[in-house]
């Protein structure tokens, strides 16, 4: 990665962190117990939502990287395109399964916090 991509990623991450720090205070201020900013239920919902979102982002990044590498490999060796695409599909399915499992765990955390 060059400096431009690193700077974009750093700025994007800092904006996301700033929004995550400021928004829960306003969102949970209505239902907050006395003297607290984030209730137990709010922490469970927030943790489950952030966990599910990070799982989706990680899965998407992994599948995108696999796809890009597979296309590059097929361009370099067209004779091996069948084997490369088969391996790519199997690996993408495994990543998708792990991502789905992580999202289900995040949703269980949210639903357990609601109960």
N, C-alpha and C. Protein backbone atom coordinates (compact mmCIF):
# COMPACT_ATOMS: atom_id res chain seq x y z
N UNK A 1 0.85 -1.19 0.00
CA UNK A 1 0.00 0.00 0.00
C UNK A 1 0.89 1.24 0.00
N UNK A 2 0.47 2.21 -0.76
CA UNK A 2 1.25 3.44 -0.78
C UNK A 2 0.69 4.42 0.26
N UNK A 3 1.31 5.55 0.38
CA UNK A 3 0.94 6.53 1.41
C UNK A 3 -0.48 7.04 1.24
N UNK A 4 -0.91 7.19 0.00
CA UNK A 4 -2.24 7.73 -0.26
C UNK A 4 -3.32 6.81 0.29
N UNK A 5 -3.17 5.51 0.07
CA UNK A 5 -4.15 4.55 0.57
C UNK A 5 -4.12 4.47 2.10
N UNK A 6 -2.93 4.55 2.66
CA UNK A 6 -2.81 4.50 4.12
C UNK A 6 -3.47 5.72 4.75
N UNK A 7 -3.26 6.88 4.15
CA UNK A 7 -3.87 8.10 4.69
C UNK A 7 -5.39 8.06 4.57
N UNK A 8 -5.90 7.56 3.45
CA UNK A 8 -7.35 7.44 3.29
C UNK A 8 -7.93 6.49 4.33
N UNK A 9 -7.26 5.38 4.54
CA UNK A 9 -7.73 4.41 5.53
C UNK A 9 -7.69 5.01 6.94
N UNK A 10 -6.64 5.74 7.25
CA UNK A 10 -6.53 6.35 8.58
C UNK A 10 -7.60 7.41 8.80
N UNK A 11 -7.87 8.21 7.78
CA UNK A 11 -8.92 9.24 7.91
C UNK A 11 -10.28 8.58 8.05
N UNK A 12 -10.54 7.57 7.24
CA UNK A 12 -11.82 6.86 7.33
C UNK A 12 -12.01 6.21 8.68
N UNK A 13 -10.97 5.58 9.19
CA UNK A 13 -11.05 4.94 10.50
C UNK A 13 -11.27 5.96 11.61
N UNK A 14 -10.62 7.10 11.52
CA UNK A 14 -10.79 8.12 12.55
C UNK A 14 -12.20 8.70 12.52
N UNK A 15 -12.78 8.85 11.34
CA UNK A 15 -14.16 9.33 11.25
C UNK A 15 -15.12 8.32 11.86
N UNK A 16 -14.92 7.04 11.56
CA UNK A 16 -15.78 6.00 12.13
C UNK A 16 -15.67 5.96 13.65
N UNK A 17 -14.47 6.05 14.17
CA UNK A 17 -14.27 6.04 15.61
C UNK A 17 -14.92 7.26 16.26
N UNK A 18 -14.78 8.43 15.64
CA UNK A 18 -15.39 9.63 16.19
C UNK A 18 -16.91 9.51 16.23
N UNK A 19 -17.49 8.97 15.17
CA UNK A 19 -18.95 8.78 15.15
C UNK A 19 -19.38 7.77 16.20
N UNK A 20 -18.62 6.69 16.36
CA UNK A 20 -18.97 5.67 17.35
C UNK A 20 -18.86 6.21 18.76
N UNK A 21 -17.96 7.13 19.00
CA UNK A 21 -17.81 7.70 20.33
C UNK A 21 -18.93 8.68 20.64
N UNK A 22 -19.32 9.48 19.65
CA UNK A 22 -20.30 10.54 19.89
C UNK A 22 -21.73 10.04 19.83
N UNK A 23 -22.07 9.18 18.89
CA UNK A 23 -23.45 8.80 18.65
C UNK A 23 -24.09 7.99 19.79
N UNK A 24 -23.42 7.03 20.43
CA UNK A 24 -24.10 6.30 21.51
C UNK A 24 -24.53 7.20 22.66
N UNK A 25 -23.79 8.25 22.90
CA UNK A 25 -24.16 9.16 23.98
C UNK A 25 -25.51 9.79 23.68
N UNK A 26 -25.71 10.25 22.47
CA UNK A 26 -26.98 10.86 22.09
C UNK A 26 -28.08 9.82 21.98
N UNK A 27 -27.77 8.64 21.47
CA UNK A 27 -28.80 7.62 21.26
C UNK A 27 -29.28 7.03 22.58
N UNK A 28 -28.41 6.82 23.53
CA UNK A 28 -28.79 6.18 24.77
C UNK A 28 -29.11 7.17 25.88
N UNK A 29 -29.05 8.45 25.60
CA UNK A 29 -29.31 9.44 26.64
C UNK A 29 -30.78 9.42 27.06
N UNK A 30 -31.69 9.04 26.19
CA UNK A 30 -33.10 9.04 26.51
C UNK A 30 -33.46 7.95 27.52
N UNK A 31 -32.88 6.75 27.34
CA UNK A 31 -33.25 5.63 28.19
C UNK A 31 -32.21 5.29 29.26
N UNK A 32 -31.22 6.10 29.40
CA UNK A 32 -30.13 5.77 30.31
C UNK A 32 -30.58 5.85 31.77
N UNK A 33 -30.00 4.96 32.55
CA UNK A 33 -30.25 5.01 33.98
C UNK A 33 -29.54 6.23 34.55
N UNK A 34 -29.87 6.59 35.76
CA UNK A 34 -29.25 7.77 36.35
C UNK A 34 -27.75 7.54 36.53
N UNK A 35 -26.97 8.47 36.03
CA UNK A 35 -25.53 8.43 36.20
C UNK A 35 -24.79 7.56 35.21
N UNK A 36 -25.50 6.95 34.26
CA UNK A 36 -24.82 6.13 33.26
C UNK A 36 -25.11 6.65 31.87
N UNK A 37 -24.18 6.43 31.00
CA UNK A 37 -24.36 6.83 29.61
C UNK A 37 -24.80 5.63 28.78
N UNK A 38 -24.29 4.45 29.09
CA UNK A 38 -24.57 3.26 28.32
C UNK A 38 -25.07 2.17 29.25
N UNK A 39 -26.29 1.71 29.03
CA UNK A 39 -26.86 0.67 29.89
C UNK A 39 -26.31 -0.69 29.51
N UNK A 40 -26.66 -1.69 30.29
CA UNK A 40 -26.23 -3.05 30.00
C UNK A 40 -26.82 -3.53 28.68
N UNK A 41 -28.09 -3.23 28.46
CA UNK A 41 -28.71 -3.62 27.20
C UNK A 41 -28.07 -2.91 26.03
N UNK A 42 -27.78 -1.64 26.20
CA UNK A 42 -27.14 -0.86 25.14
C UNK A 42 -25.77 -1.40 24.80
N UNK A 43 -25.01 -1.81 25.80
CA UNK A 43 -23.69 -2.36 25.55
C UNK A 43 -23.79 -3.68 24.78
N UNK A 44 -24.76 -4.49 25.13
CA UNK A 44 -24.97 -5.76 24.40
C UNK A 44 -25.36 -5.52 22.96
N UNK A 45 -26.28 -4.59 22.75
CA UNK A 45 -26.69 -4.27 21.38
C UNK A 45 -25.53 -3.70 20.58
N UNK A 46 -24.81 -2.79 21.19
CA UNK A 46 -23.69 -2.16 20.50
C UNK A 46 -22.59 -3.18 20.19
N UNK A 47 -22.28 -4.02 21.14
CA UNK A 47 -21.25 -5.04 20.92
C UNK A 47 -21.63 -6.03 19.84
N UNK A 48 -22.88 -6.48 19.87
CA UNK A 48 -23.34 -7.41 18.85
C UNK A 48 -23.35 -6.79 17.47
N UNK A 49 -23.80 -5.54 17.39
CA UNK A 49 -23.85 -4.86 16.09
C UNK A 49 -22.45 -4.60 15.55
N UNK A 50 -21.54 -4.17 16.40
CA UNK A 50 -20.17 -3.92 15.94
C UNK A 50 -19.50 -5.23 15.54
N UNK A 51 -19.73 -6.28 16.32
CA UNK A 51 -19.15 -7.58 15.97
C UNK A 51 -19.65 -8.11 14.64
N UNK A 52 -20.96 -8.00 14.41
CA UNK A 52 -21.51 -8.47 13.14
C UNK A 52 -21.00 -7.61 11.99
N UNK A 53 -20.91 -6.31 12.19
CA UNK A 53 -20.40 -5.43 11.14
C UNK A 53 -18.95 -5.71 10.80
N UNK A 54 -18.12 -5.93 11.80
CA UNK A 54 -16.71 -6.24 11.55
C UNK A 54 -16.56 -7.59 10.85
N UNK A 55 -17.43 -8.54 11.20
CA UNK A 55 -17.38 -9.84 10.52
C UNK A 55 -17.71 -9.69 9.04
N UNK A 56 -18.71 -8.89 8.72
CA UNK A 56 -19.08 -8.66 7.33
C UNK A 56 -17.96 -7.96 6.58
N UNK A 57 -17.36 -6.95 7.20
CA UNK A 57 -16.27 -6.22 6.56
C UNK A 57 -15.08 -7.15 6.30
N UNK A 58 -14.73 -7.96 7.28
CA UNK A 58 -13.61 -8.88 7.12
C UNK A 58 -13.88 -9.92 6.04
N UNK A 59 -15.09 -10.47 6.03
CA UNK A 59 -15.44 -11.45 5.01
C UNK A 59 -15.42 -10.85 3.62
N UNK A 60 -15.95 -9.64 3.48
CA UNK A 60 -15.96 -8.98 2.18
C UNK A 60 -14.54 -8.68 1.71
N UNK A 61 -13.68 -8.25 2.61
CA UNK A 61 -12.29 -7.98 2.24
C UNK A 61 -11.57 -9.27 1.82
N UNK A 62 -11.83 -10.34 2.55
CA UNK A 62 -11.20 -11.62 2.20
C UNK A 62 -11.65 -12.15 0.86
N UNK A 63 -12.96 -12.11 0.60
CA UNK A 63 -13.47 -12.61 -0.67
C UNK A 63 -13.01 -11.72 -1.82
N UNK A 64 -12.96 -10.42 -1.59
CA UNK A 64 -12.46 -9.52 -2.63
C UNK A 64 -11.01 -9.77 -2.96
N UNK A 65 -10.24 -10.04 -1.94
CA UNK A 65 -8.82 -10.31 -2.17
C UNK A 65 -8.64 -11.64 -2.91
N UNK A 66 -9.44 -12.63 -2.55
CA UNK A 66 -9.36 -13.93 -3.24
C UNK A 66 -9.73 -13.76 -4.71
N UNK A 67 -10.81 -13.02 -4.96
CA UNK A 67 -11.24 -12.81 -6.34
C UNK A 67 -10.20 -12.09 -7.16
N UNK A 68 -9.61 -11.04 -6.60
CA UNK A 68 -8.58 -10.29 -7.32
C UNK A 68 -7.36 -11.14 -7.62
N UNK A 69 -6.94 -11.91 -6.63
CA UNK A 69 -5.77 -12.77 -6.84
C UNK A 69 -6.05 -13.86 -7.85
N UNK A 70 -7.28 -14.39 -7.83
CA UNK A 70 -7.62 -15.44 -8.78
C UNK A 70 -7.65 -14.90 -10.21
N UNK A 71 -8.21 -13.72 -10.40
CA UNK A 71 -8.25 -13.13 -11.74
C UNK A 71 -6.83 -12.84 -12.23
N UNK A 72 -5.99 -12.35 -11.34
CA UNK A 72 -4.60 -12.09 -11.72
C UNK A 72 -3.88 -13.39 -12.08
N UNK A 73 -4.12 -14.44 -11.32
CA UNK A 73 -3.49 -15.74 -11.61
C UNK A 73 -3.98 -16.30 -12.94
N UNK A 74 -5.28 -16.15 -13.21
CA UNK A 74 -5.82 -16.65 -14.48
C UNK A 74 -5.26 -15.86 -15.66
N UNK A 75 -5.00 -14.58 -15.46
CA UNK A 75 -4.42 -13.78 -16.53
C UNK A 75 -2.98 -14.21 -16.81
N UNK A 76 -2.28 -14.63 -15.78
CA UNK A 76 -0.88 -15.05 -15.97
C UNK A 76 -0.79 -16.46 -16.56
N UNK A 77 -1.71 -17.36 -16.13
CA UNK A 77 -1.68 -18.74 -16.61
C UNK A 77 -3.09 -19.15 -17.03
N UNK A 78 -3.48 -18.83 -18.24
CA UNK A 78 -4.84 -19.17 -18.69
C UNK A 78 -5.12 -20.67 -18.70
N UNK A 79 -4.10 -21.49 -18.82
CA UNK A 79 -4.31 -22.93 -18.87
C UNK A 79 -4.79 -23.48 -17.53
N UNK A 80 -4.47 -22.81 -16.45
CA UNK A 80 -4.85 -23.28 -15.12
C UNK A 80 -6.11 -22.58 -14.60
N UNK A 81 -6.87 -21.95 -15.47
CA UNK A 81 -8.04 -21.17 -15.04
C UNK A 81 -9.08 -22.03 -14.34
N UNK A 82 -9.30 -23.25 -14.82
CA UNK A 82 -10.30 -24.13 -14.20
C UNK A 82 -9.94 -24.49 -12.77
N UNK A 83 -8.70 -24.86 -12.55
CA UNK A 83 -8.26 -25.22 -11.20
C UNK A 83 -8.27 -24.01 -10.28
N UNK A 84 -7.88 -22.87 -10.79
CA UNK A 84 -7.84 -21.65 -9.97
C UNK A 84 -9.24 -21.24 -9.57
N UNK A 85 -10.18 -21.28 -10.53
CA UNK A 85 -11.55 -20.86 -10.19
C UNK A 85 -12.20 -21.83 -9.21
N UNK A 86 -11.91 -23.12 -9.32
CA UNK A 86 -12.46 -24.09 -8.37
C UNK A 86 -11.94 -23.82 -6.96
N UNK A 87 -10.65 -23.61 -6.85
CA UNK A 87 -10.05 -23.31 -5.54
C UNK A 87 -10.59 -22.00 -4.99
N UNK A 88 -10.80 -21.02 -5.87
CA UNK A 88 -11.32 -19.72 -5.43
C UNK A 88 -12.73 -19.87 -4.88
N UNK A 89 -13.57 -20.62 -5.57
CA UNK A 89 -14.96 -20.78 -5.12
C UNK A 89 -15.02 -21.52 -3.79
N UNK A 90 -14.21 -22.55 -3.63
CA UNK A 90 -14.20 -23.30 -2.37
C UNK A 90 -13.72 -22.42 -1.22
N UNK A 91 -12.67 -21.66 -1.44
CA UNK A 91 -12.14 -20.78 -0.40
C UNK A 91 -13.13 -19.67 -0.06
N UNK A 92 -13.77 -19.10 -1.07
CA UNK A 92 -14.76 -18.05 -0.83
C UNK A 92 -15.94 -18.60 -0.04
N UNK A 93 -16.35 -19.84 -0.32
CA UNK A 93 -17.45 -20.45 0.43
C UNK A 93 -17.08 -20.66 1.89
N UNK A 94 -15.84 -21.05 2.14
CA UNK A 94 -15.40 -21.21 3.53
C UNK A 94 -15.38 -19.88 4.27
N UNK A 95 -14.92 -18.84 3.60
CA UNK A 95 -14.92 -17.52 4.24
C UNK A 95 -16.35 -17.06 4.49
N UNK A 96 -17.23 -17.30 3.52
CA UNK A 96 -18.62 -16.90 3.68
C UNK A 96 -19.28 -17.65 4.84
N UNK A 97 -18.95 -18.92 5.01
CA UNK A 97 -19.48 -19.69 6.13
C UNK A 97 -19.02 -19.15 7.47
N UNK A 98 -17.74 -18.83 7.56
CA UNK A 98 -17.21 -18.26 8.80
C UNK A 98 -17.83 -16.90 9.08
N UNK A 99 -18.06 -16.12 8.04
CA UNK A 99 -18.69 -14.81 8.20
C UNK A 99 -20.12 -14.96 8.68
N UNK A 100 -20.84 -15.89 8.08
CA UNK A 100 -22.22 -16.13 8.50
C UNK A 100 -22.28 -16.57 9.96
N UNK A 101 -21.37 -17.43 10.37
CA UNK A 101 -21.32 -17.86 11.76
C UNK A 101 -21.06 -16.69 12.70
N UNK A 102 -20.15 -15.80 12.31
CA UNK A 102 -19.85 -14.63 13.15
C UNK A 102 -21.04 -13.68 13.23
N UNK A 103 -21.78 -13.52 12.14
CA UNK A 103 -22.97 -12.67 12.17
C UNK A 103 -24.04 -13.28 13.07
N UNK A 104 -24.21 -14.59 13.01
CA UNK A 104 -25.18 -15.25 13.88
C UNK A 104 -24.80 -15.07 15.35
N UNK A 105 -23.53 -15.19 15.66
CA UNK A 105 -23.08 -14.96 17.04
C UNK A 105 -23.36 -13.52 17.46
N UNK A 106 -23.10 -12.57 16.58
CA UNK A 106 -23.42 -11.16 16.89
C UNK A 106 -24.90 -10.94 17.10
N UNK A 107 -25.73 -11.57 16.27
CA UNK A 107 -27.17 -11.44 16.43
C UNK A 107 -27.65 -12.09 17.73
N UNK A 108 -27.04 -13.20 18.10
CA UNK A 108 -27.39 -13.83 19.38
C UNK A 108 -27.06 -12.91 20.55
N UNK A 109 -25.95 -12.21 20.44
CA UNK A 109 -25.58 -11.25 21.49
C UNK A 109 -26.61 -10.13 21.57
N UNK A 110 -27.07 -9.66 20.42
CA UNK A 110 -28.08 -8.60 20.41
C UNK A 110 -29.39 -9.11 20.99
N UNK A 111 -29.81 -10.31 20.58
CA UNK A 111 -31.08 -10.85 21.06
C UNK A 111 -31.02 -11.22 22.53
N UNK A 112 -29.87 -11.67 23.00
CA UNK A 112 -29.74 -11.99 24.43
C UNK A 112 -29.80 -10.70 25.25
N UNK A 113 -29.24 -9.63 24.72
CA UNK A 113 -29.29 -8.35 25.43
C UNK A 113 -30.72 -7.82 25.49
N UNK A 114 -31.53 -8.14 24.48
CA UNK A 114 -32.91 -7.66 24.44
C UNK A 114 -33.80 -8.43 25.40
N UNK A 115 -33.43 -9.67 25.72
CA UNK A 115 -34.29 -10.50 26.57
C UNK A 115 -34.12 -10.19 28.04
